[in-house]
Each structure stands twice: as C-alpha cells, then as structure tokens.
Protein backbone atom coordinates (compact mmCIF):
# COMPACT_ATOMS: atom_id res chain seq x y z
CA MET A 1 0.00 0.00 0.00
CA ILE A 2 2.89 2.38 0.80
CA LYS A 3 4.55 1.64 -2.55
CA LEU A 4 1.31 2.28 -4.41
CA THR A 5 0.82 5.61 -2.59
CA GLY A 6 4.37 6.62 -3.49
CA CYS A 7 3.78 5.85 -7.17
CA LEU A 8 0.60 7.86 -7.14
CA LEU A 9 2.40 10.76 -5.45
CA VAL A 10 5.18 10.78 -8.05
CA ALA A 11 2.64 10.59 -10.86
CA SER A 12 0.66 13.42 -9.26
CA LEU A 13 3.74 15.62 -9.00
CA GLY A 14 4.63 14.81 -12.62
CA PHE A 15 1.21 15.84 -13.87
CA SER A 16 1.37 18.97 -11.68
CA ALA A 17 4.65 20.00 -13.29
CA MET A 18 3.24 19.41 -16.76
CA ALA A 19 0.16 21.45 -15.93
CA GLY A 20 2.36 24.37 -14.90
CA ALA A 21 4.42 24.38 -18.11
CA ASP A 22 3.80 27.10 -20.69
CA LEU A 23 2.12 25.43 -23.66
CA PRO A 24 0.84 27.27 -26.73
CA VAL A 25 -2.89 27.82 -26.71
CA GLU A 26 -4.62 25.98 -29.53
CA PRO A 27 -8.01 27.35 -30.59
CA ILE A 28 -11.00 25.03 -30.43
CA PRO A 29 -12.43 24.17 -32.86
CA LYS A 30 -9.46 24.17 -35.24
CA SER A 31 -10.07 23.40 -38.91
CA LEU A 32 -7.45 23.16 -41.65
CA SER A 33 -8.14 23.26 -45.38
CA LEU A 34 -6.66 21.23 -48.24
CA PRO A 35 -5.91 22.58 -51.72
CA GLY A 36 -8.69 22.38 -54.30
CA THR A 37 -6.33 20.49 -56.62
CA TYR A 38 -4.27 17.80 -54.92
CA PRO A 39 -0.55 17.20 -55.53
CA GLU A 40 0.39 14.36 -57.88
CA SER A 41 1.71 12.19 -55.04
CA TRP A 42 -1.56 11.99 -53.06
CA VAL A 43 -3.52 8.75 -52.86
CA PHE A 44 -6.93 7.80 -51.48
CA ALA A 45 -6.69 4.51 -49.56
CA GLN A 46 -9.95 2.77 -48.69
CA ASP A 47 -10.49 0.68 -45.57
CA ILE A 48 -13.95 -0.90 -45.74
CA ASN A 49 -13.64 -2.06 -42.10
CA TYR A 50 -13.96 -5.82 -42.49
CA ASN A 51 -14.89 -6.11 -38.81
CA THR A 52 -18.37 -4.74 -39.55
CA THR A 53 -18.38 -3.15 -43.06
CA MET A 54 -21.15 -0.87 -41.74
CA LEU A 55 -18.86 2.15 -41.69
CA GLY A 56 -15.53 2.29 -43.46
CA GLN A 57 -13.09 5.09 -44.11
CA PHE A 58 -10.97 6.72 -46.79
CA VAL A 59 -7.52 7.96 -45.82
CA LEU A 60 -5.77 10.61 -47.90
CA LEU A 61 -2.00 10.05 -47.98
CA ASP A 62 0.96 11.92 -49.44
CA VAL A 63 3.15 8.94 -50.39
CA ALA A 64 6.06 11.20 -51.41
CA ALA A 65 6.45 12.73 -47.95
CA GLU A 66 9.04 11.35 -45.53
CA SER A 67 6.85 12.34 -42.58
CA LYS A 68 3.33 13.64 -41.95
CA GLN A 69 1.95 11.59 -44.83
CA PHE A 70 -1.55 11.62 -43.34
CA LYS A 71 -3.52 14.49 -44.92
CA GLY A 72 -7.07 13.69 -43.87
CA LEU A 73 -9.79 11.12 -43.41
CA PHE A 74 -13.47 10.82 -44.22
CA GLN A 75 -15.92 7.99 -43.68
CA GLY A 76 -17.99 5.97 -46.09
CA GLY A 77 -21.17 4.03 -45.37
CA LEU A 78 -21.70 0.32 -45.95
CA LEU A 79 -19.27 -0.96 -48.63
CA ALA A 80 -18.84 2.50 -50.14
CA SER A 81 -17.41 3.18 -53.60
CA PHE A 82 -15.43 6.22 -54.75
CA ALA A 83 -14.65 8.45 -57.74
CA GLU A 84 -12.84 11.79 -58.03
CA SER A 85 -13.51 14.64 -60.44
CA LYS A 86 -10.83 16.23 -62.62
CA GLN A 87 -13.00 19.21 -63.54
CA ARG A 88 -14.47 20.12 -60.17
CA SER A 89 -13.00 20.44 -56.69
CA GLU A 90 -15.09 17.52 -55.47
CA PHE A 91 -15.27 13.77 -55.24
CA TYR A 92 -18.11 11.28 -54.92
CA VAL A 93 -18.96 8.42 -52.58
CA ALA A 94 -21.79 5.97 -53.24
CA GLU A 95 -22.89 4.59 -49.88
CA SER A 96 -25.76 3.00 -47.99
CA PHE A 97 -27.24 3.56 -44.53
CA SER A 98 -29.95 1.99 -42.35
CA THR A 99 -32.09 3.96 -39.90
CA ARG A 100 -31.17 1.66 -37.01
CA GLY A 101 -27.52 1.21 -37.87
CA HIS A 102 -27.44 -2.47 -38.78
CA ARG A 103 -31.18 -2.69 -39.53
CA GLY A 104 -34.16 -0.56 -40.41
CA GLU A 105 -35.05 1.37 -43.54
CA ARG A 106 -32.20 1.49 -46.03
CA THR A 107 -31.18 4.58 -48.00
CA ASP A 108 -28.67 4.62 -50.87
CA VAL A 109 -27.03 7.94 -51.70
CA LEU A 110 -24.37 9.49 -53.88
CA SER A 111 -22.57 11.86 -51.52
CA ILE A 112 -20.74 14.83 -53.05
CA TYR A 113 -17.69 15.97 -51.07
CA ASP A 114 -15.75 19.22 -51.08
CA LYS A 115 -12.06 18.45 -51.60
CA THR A 116 -10.79 21.33 -49.48
CA GLN A 117 -12.74 20.32 -46.34
CA LEU A 118 -13.27 16.55 -46.90
CA SER A 119 -16.90 17.17 -45.97
CA PRO A 120 -20.14 16.41 -47.81
CA LYS A 121 -21.76 19.40 -49.49
CA ALA A 122 -24.65 17.66 -51.28
CA GLU A 123 -26.18 14.25 -51.84
CA VAL A 124 -28.41 12.53 -54.38
CA ILE A 125 -30.82 9.84 -53.23
CA LEU A 126 -30.51 6.65 -55.32
CA PRO A 127 -34.00 5.13 -55.65
CA GLY A 128 -34.89 1.48 -55.18
CA ASN A 129 -32.10 0.42 -52.78
CA LYS A 130 -30.34 -1.32 -55.66
CA ARG A 131 -26.72 -0.28 -55.20
CA ALA A 132 -24.42 -3.31 -55.33
CA LEU A 133 -23.11 -4.11 -51.86
CA ILE A 134 -19.87 -5.91 -52.69
CA THR A 135 -16.18 -5.40 -51.95
CA PRO A 136 -14.61 -2.37 -53.66
CA HIS A 137 -14.10 -2.21 -57.42
CA LYS A 138 -13.43 0.96 -59.38
CA GLY A 139 -16.19 -0.10 -61.77
CA LEU A 140 -18.80 0.27 -59.02
CA LEU A 141 -18.71 4.06 -59.39
CA GLN A 142 -17.52 5.72 -62.59
CA LEU A 143 -17.72 9.16 -64.18
CA THR A 144 -18.35 9.56 -67.89
CA ARG A 145 -15.35 11.07 -69.67
CA ASP A 146 -17.02 14.47 -69.94
CA GLU A 147 -17.93 14.16 -66.22
CA LYS A 148 -21.53 15.10 -66.85
CA PHE A 149 -22.80 11.86 -65.32
CA ALA A 150 -21.87 9.53 -62.47
CA LEU A 151 -22.56 5.82 -63.00
CA VAL A 152 -23.44 3.59 -60.04
CA PHE A 153 -23.62 -0.18 -60.54
CA ASN A 154 -26.71 -1.91 -59.12
CA PHE A 155 -27.20 -5.58 -58.28
CA THR A 156 -30.53 -6.98 -57.10
CA PRO A 157 -29.31 -9.63 -58.46
CA ALA A 158 -30.36 -8.13 -61.82
CA GLY A 159 -27.63 -5.82 -63.08
CA SER A 160 -28.25 -2.17 -63.93
CA VAL A 161 -26.52 1.22 -63.84
CA SER A 162 -27.96 4.31 -62.18
CA VAL A 163 -27.15 7.54 -64.04
CA ILE A 164 -26.77 10.71 -61.95
CA ASP A 165 -26.53 14.17 -63.53
CA LEU A 166 -23.67 15.82 -61.62
CA GLU A 167 -24.52 19.32 -62.84
CA ARG A 168 -28.17 19.13 -61.77
CA ARG A 169 -27.41 16.92 -58.72
CA LYS A 170 -30.19 14.55 -59.79
CA TRP A 171 -30.76 10.88 -60.54
CA VAL A 172 -31.96 10.77 -64.15
CA SER A 173 -32.17 7.16 -65.37
CA GLU A 174 -31.45 3.48 -64.83
CA VAL A 175 -29.90 1.41 -67.62
CA PRO A 176 -30.64 -2.35 -67.40
CA ILE A 177 -27.57 -4.51 -68.10
CA PRO A 178 -28.86 -8.06 -67.43
CA GLY A 179 -26.07 -10.59 -67.05
CA CYS A 180 -23.37 -7.89 -67.05
CA THR A 181 -21.23 -6.47 -64.23
CA LEU A 182 -19.75 -3.07 -63.35
CA SER A 183 -19.27 -0.12 -65.71
CA PHE A 184 -16.25 1.42 -67.38
CA ALA A 185 -16.34 4.87 -68.97
CA SER A 186 -16.25 4.65 -72.77
CA GLY A 187 -16.66 7.16 -75.55
CA GLN A 188 -17.19 10.78 -74.56
CA ARG A 189 -20.46 10.14 -72.73
CA GLY A 190 -21.13 6.46 -72.20
CA PHE A 191 -20.01 3.25 -70.59
CA SER A 192 -19.18 -0.38 -71.32
CA THR A 193 -19.70 -3.47 -69.19
CA LEU A 194 -18.39 -7.05 -69.13
CA CYS A 195 -21.10 -9.68 -69.56
CA ALA A 196 -21.48 -13.28 -68.41
CA ASN A 197 -21.64 -14.58 -71.99
CA GLY A 198 -18.09 -13.31 -72.56
CA ALA A 199 -19.10 -10.25 -74.60
CA LEU A 200 -18.83 -6.51 -74.01
CA ALA A 201 -21.90 -4.26 -74.00
CA SER A 202 -21.51 -0.54 -74.74
CA PHE A 203 -24.04 2.24 -74.15
CA ALA A 204 -24.01 5.86 -75.33
CA LEU A 205 -25.98 8.43 -73.32
CA ASP A 206 -27.66 11.62 -74.49
CA ASP A 207 -27.50 14.93 -72.61
CA LYS A 208 -30.47 13.84 -70.45
CA GLY A 209 -28.81 10.59 -69.38
CA GLN A 210 -31.00 8.36 -71.53
CA VAL A 211 -29.61 5.57 -73.71
CA LEU A 212 -28.89 6.94 -77.17
CA ASP A 213 -27.32 3.81 -78.63
CA GLU A 214 -26.16 0.36 -77.55
CA ALA A 215 -23.92 -2.29 -79.08
CA PHE A 216 -22.57 -5.74 -78.23
CA SER A 217 -19.21 -7.24 -79.15
CA GLN A 218 -18.44 -10.79 -80.16
CA THR A 219 -17.56 -13.19 -77.34
CA PHE A 220 -13.92 -12.76 -76.26
CA ASN A 221 -13.81 -13.31 -72.45
CA ASP A 222 -13.32 -17.03 -71.73
CA ILE A 223 -15.37 -17.14 -68.53
CA ASP A 224 -15.03 -20.91 -67.98
CA HIS A 225 -11.28 -21.32 -68.54
CA ASP A 226 -9.49 -17.96 -68.25
CA PRO A 227 -11.78 -15.13 -67.14
CA LEU A 228 -10.76 -11.49 -66.92
CA PHE A 229 -10.30 -9.68 -63.64
CA MET A 230 -12.87 -6.93 -63.09
CA GLU A 231 -10.06 -4.45 -62.37
CA ALA A 232 -8.23 -2.69 -65.19
CA ALA A 233 -5.81 0.14 -66.02
CA THR A 234 -6.07 2.71 -68.80
CA ILE A 235 -3.42 4.36 -70.98
CA GLN A 236 -4.44 6.87 -73.67
CA GLY A 237 -7.98 5.59 -73.89
CA VAL A 238 -7.11 1.88 -74.05
CA THR A 239 -8.17 -0.11 -70.98
CA TYR A 240 -6.19 -3.25 -70.13
CA PHE A 241 -7.78 -6.18 -68.26
CA PRO A 242 -5.53 -9.00 -66.95
CA SER A 243 -6.86 -12.56 -66.95
CA PHE A 244 -6.57 -15.14 -64.19
CA LEU A 245 -3.99 -17.16 -66.16
CA GLY A 246 -1.89 -14.25 -67.39
CA ARG A 247 -3.32 -12.74 -70.57
CA ILE A 248 -3.83 -9.02 -71.16
CA GLN A 249 -7.03 -8.01 -72.92
CA PRO A 250 -6.94 -4.45 -74.32
CA ILE A 251 -10.22 -2.65 -75.06
CA ASP A 252 -10.29 0.73 -76.79
CA MET A 253 -12.66 2.66 -74.52
CA SER A 254 -12.09 5.95 -76.33
CA ARG A 255 -14.55 4.79 -78.99
CA GLN A 256 -18.29 4.38 -78.84
CA PRO A 257 -18.96 1.52 -78.95
CA ALA A 258 -15.76 0.29 -77.33
CA ALA A 259 -13.58 -1.93 -79.53
CA VAL A 260 -12.05 -5.22 -78.34
CA LEU A 261 -8.41 -5.43 -79.43
CA PRO A 262 -6.19 -8.54 -79.78
CA ALA A 263 -5.09 -10.08 -76.48
CA TRP A 264 -1.49 -10.95 -75.61
CA SER A 265 0.32 -12.92 -72.90
CA LEU A 266 2.17 -11.60 -69.88
CA LEU A 267 4.07 -14.86 -69.48
CA SER A 268 7.05 -16.53 -71.11
CA PRO A 269 7.09 -20.35 -71.20
CA GLN A 270 9.47 -20.31 -68.21
CA ALA A 271 7.13 -18.04 -66.22
CA GLN A 272 4.19 -20.29 -67.03
CA GLN A 273 6.14 -23.32 -65.81
CA ALA A 274 6.95 -21.53 -62.54
CA GLY A 275 3.25 -20.89 -62.00
CA TRP A 276 3.34 -17.08 -62.20
CA ARG A 277 -0.11 -15.48 -62.45
CA PRO A 278 -1.68 -12.08 -61.77
CA SER A 279 -3.22 -11.94 -58.30
CA GLY A 280 -4.80 -9.43 -55.93
CA ALA A 281 -7.87 -7.35 -55.25
CA GLN A 282 -6.41 -4.60 -57.45
CA PRO A 283 -3.71 -6.34 -59.49
CA ILE A 284 -3.01 -3.80 -62.26
CA ALA A 285 -2.09 -0.12 -62.53
CA ALA A 286 -0.85 2.24 -65.23
CA ASN A 287 2.11 4.62 -65.33
CA ALA A 288 0.73 7.25 -67.70
CA HIS A 289 4.03 9.17 -67.92
CA GLU A 290 6.05 6.12 -68.93
CA GLN A 291 3.05 4.46 -70.62
CA SER A 292 3.70 1.22 -68.77
CA LEU A 293 1.46 -1.38 -67.17
CA TYR A 294 2.26 -2.67 -63.67
CA VAL A 295 0.88 -6.11 -62.77
CA LEU A 296 0.95 -7.72 -59.32
CA MET A 297 2.20 -11.30 -59.79
CA ARG A 298 2.15 -14.45 -57.66
CA GLU A 299 4.53 -17.40 -58.03
CA ASN A 300 3.32 -21.02 -57.80
CA ALA A 301 -0.26 -19.79 -58.11
CA VAL A 302 -3.09 -22.28 -58.47
CA ASP A 303 -6.78 -21.95 -59.28
CA GLY A 304 -8.47 -19.92 -56.58
CA ASN A 305 -5.38 -17.76 -55.87
CA HIS A 306 -6.56 -14.83 -57.99
CA TYR A 307 -7.30 -12.65 -54.91
CA ALA A 308 -4.39 -13.92 -52.78
CA GLY A 309 -1.94 -11.14 -53.71
CA GLY A 310 1.62 -11.32 -54.99
CA GLN A 311 5.32 -11.04 -54.21
CA GLU A 312 6.44 -9.14 -57.33
CA VAL A 313 5.24 -6.41 -59.67
CA TRP A 314 6.04 -6.87 -63.37
CA VAL A 315 6.27 -3.81 -65.60
CA TYR A 316 5.22 -4.03 -69.27
CA ASP A 317 5.40 -1.97 -72.41
CA PRO A 318 1.91 -2.54 -73.85
CA ARG A 319 2.89 -1.28 -77.31
CA LYS A 320 5.72 -3.79 -77.67
CA GLN A 321 3.87 -6.33 -75.49
CA GLN A 322 7.10 -6.96 -73.61
CA ARG A 323 8.15 -6.98 -69.97
CA ARG A 324 10.44 -4.10 -69.07
CA ARG A 325 11.46 -5.05 -65.53
CA ARG A 326 10.50 -6.88 -62.34
CA ILE A 327 10.09 -5.33 -58.91
CA THR A 328 10.52 -7.63 -55.93
CA LEU A 329 8.33 -6.41 -53.08
CA GLN A 330 9.57 -6.00 -49.53
CA ASN A 331 6.24 -7.41 -48.35
CA PRO A 332 3.55 -9.31 -50.29
CA GLY A 333 0.81 -6.97 -51.51
CA ASN A 334 -2.84 -7.25 -52.42
CA ALA A 335 -3.49 -4.00 -54.34
CA ILE A 336 -1.31 -1.63 -56.36
CA GLU A 337 -1.62 1.92 -57.69
CA ILE A 338 0.64 4.38 -59.53
CA THR A 339 0.60 8.11 -58.79
CA ARG A 340 0.57 10.80 -61.47
CA GLY A 341 3.43 12.93 -62.72
CA LYS A 342 6.99 12.68 -64.01
CA GLN A 343 8.17 11.08 -60.76
CA PRO A 344 5.46 8.49 -60.09
CA TYR A 345 5.31 6.25 -57.05
CA LEU A 346 4.20 2.62 -56.87
CA VAL A 347 1.92 2.16 -53.87
CA VAL A 348 1.32 -1.38 -52.57
CA SER A 349 -1.27 -2.18 -49.91
CA MET A 350 -0.96 -5.07 -47.48
CA ALA A 351 -2.51 -6.30 -44.24
CA LYS A 352 -1.68 -3.02 -42.49
CA GLY A 353 -0.74 0.18 -44.28
CA VAL A 354 1.10 0.61 -47.58
CA ASP A 355 4.62 0.29 -48.96
CA VAL A 356 5.91 2.96 -51.34
CA TYR A 357 8.40 2.39 -54.18
CA ASP A 358 9.99 4.54 -56.86
CA ALA A 359 7.91 3.45 -59.84
CA SER A 360 10.76 4.04 -62.32
CA SER A 361 13.58 2.23 -60.51
CA GLY A 362 11.58 -0.10 -58.25
CA ALA A 363 13.54 1.08 -55.20
CA PHE A 364 11.76 0.69 -51.87
CA LEU A 365 11.25 4.08 -50.23
CA ARG A 366 9.08 3.77 -47.12
CA HIS A 367 6.29 2.04 -45.25
CA ILE A 368 3.24 4.04 -44.18
CA GLY A 369 1.36 2.12 -41.52
CA GLY A 370 -1.16 2.32 -38.76
CA GLN A 371 -4.20 3.42 -40.75
CA GLY A 372 -5.80 0.03 -41.42
CA SER A 373 -6.14 -2.59 -44.12
CA PHE A 374 -6.65 -0.94 -47.50
CA SER A 375 -8.57 -2.98 -50.06
CA SER A 376 -8.64 -0.29 -52.73
CA LEU A 377 -6.26 2.52 -53.80
CA HIS A 378 -7.09 5.57 -55.93
CA ALA A 379 -4.38 7.91 -57.20
CA SER A 380 -5.48 11.52 -57.02
CA ARG A 381 -6.55 12.81 -60.43
C-alpha cells in the first residue's frame, strides 16, 4: 500500500509539473483546409472495415512525404465506392445507410464531397435500394469522360446502372444490363460493361442521361477457362484487363462503342512453368508518364489464388507487349496503384498500411502504416 501511494504521489507531482508548463494555446475548434487540386503524389486509400463493413473510411495520404503523410480522413457508409472529379474540386462516394444502424429502412445515396474540407456538401438519393453491396471495385462508381454523369452499378441480383446528372445533382435514369457487371467509362459520354456470356456491352448516353445507342461485341472473355479480372488500367484511352492465367485483354474505350483489341500474354514459357499469375484485389495499374502497365504477380499460383496477392510487380510496355522489368516487393501486396506525374510512385497495400516504391527504378522508399487494411487505392486525379 505504501509503494502504491508513493507511485501515485510521483505521478501526481509529474502531472502537476506538466500542468504548470507554458504550452501554446490551440483554438478550439481548429479546422485546416486542403488545396482544391491535390498534388500528384496523393492517394486515397480505402479501408472498408472488415470487422463490420457498416462504416468504413478513406484515408488521404501523401506517399512522397518522408513524414506527416496523413492528410485527412473521411468515412464511407456500408461498402462505399469512390470516384474523383478532374473538372471540379469535389469527389463522390456511393454509400448506404440503415435507420437503425445495422437494420431498419435502407437509403442509398451518392454523396458529393468538397475536396478542401473533406466534408459532404450535397447528396443525391438513389431510388430502389439497388446499389451493389460488394467489396470495392473501381467499376462500381464511374464518371463519364465528360464528367456530366456519375454511374453507379446496381445488383438486385439483376444488373443495372444508375445515371446521376452531376450538374443538376439529380438521378436521371437506370440502364438495365442483365447478365453484365460493373461499368467502365467509354466514348465521350457512355459506358461499357463485361457480360457473363463473354461479350462486351456498350451504351451511349444523351444529354439527359437516356440511352442513345447500344452495341454488343463478339464473345472474347473465356469465362469458364481464363476469365478477366474486373479491375483494369487505362493508358491513352485503351483499358487493359488482366486474366486469371496471365493474358492481357486491351479494349479501346475511347470509342463508342468500345472496340475489343487482340489479347497478348504476360508470361514466357518459363514463367508459365513456374506458375506465375496475376493476383490481388487490385492487381493492375498504369504509369501514364512512362506508358507502362504494372501487374501484381504471384509465383506457384493455383486456381483460386486470384485474390491472394503477390510477391512481385512486373512492368510491361503494352505497345511492344514486352516486360520491361521486375520489382521484388519488400512485403507481399494485395493492391497496387501508380501516382501521377513525371516522378510516379508505386503504392502497394498489405494487411496493415502501404509500402511505397519509386515506380521508375523499383527502389523501396518507405512504409506508411497504422491506418488500417486498404482494399482499394485511388491515385489523385
């Protein structure tokens, strides 16, 4: 009892001394603002909070900084999806809420955030409670190339796309896409979607968000034997989808309708024998400055390993259809992204935090940890 009292006395004196020290007065509340246009090295990292998924978060990181990489945080409702505008100082989060938290009346919304404050400034109610509640994919929420419309993928389990007019802040239409999944911006004002029969469906929209034209490609996606990942990377209007077994399928999304181009292989015979395959929740990214594709690869992969993540990132020249270099990761990763600019960074997410590499040399630069498990990465536009 005497020892305990002594400890408490020392602690009390310590706190007393601290209380008497001259500390700068910090105003309450204190609010800082971010720039309306973000630096090229900033990345949105999404943590959907696998413990509950009811309320996740997006963390804004400066991956080029040696310290103070954390720039801000905002939350996203149940299995939220994300897109950022190039033309406006805002970004968009499609999310869902229930009146009693985990139960009650459900409401789906497209929330419109101010980039300088990371706070919502408007929202659009999405009718019908149809928004797809699945793990993050960039194709869950897209903007048309002219950024007039946002596109939200629905799954009931019938597939459709909700079209939201971003200028009028209004839901304007729903485009049925039975048997097809996600949307990818194509043409100037339209989208394309991958379908279960192995074809591609493309839709052009008029200025009111109604379907102006639609077209369907020939079958090209071998769903039964070598399906495409639903994640892709785009360089100069051509979107590249990796397959489970190591093909690359280019699709020219600058056209309307989108045009399926000849596929090519990522793998040499030796790499195939070693069991290398693309793997991860977000296994491909594009270096727009260098016009290279980065693919997260797993050795000794077997069927069912497509979401397991990889130990290396392979860099390809898509014009020559050749591998440029290999980057051995310090830690296995599950999602990759490349930042913008002449000095891009390769960002790799893992169980906790992200690793950052020089995208040009492959040199490991730093680990940024402590913020959570990031299932999706978005380079600032």
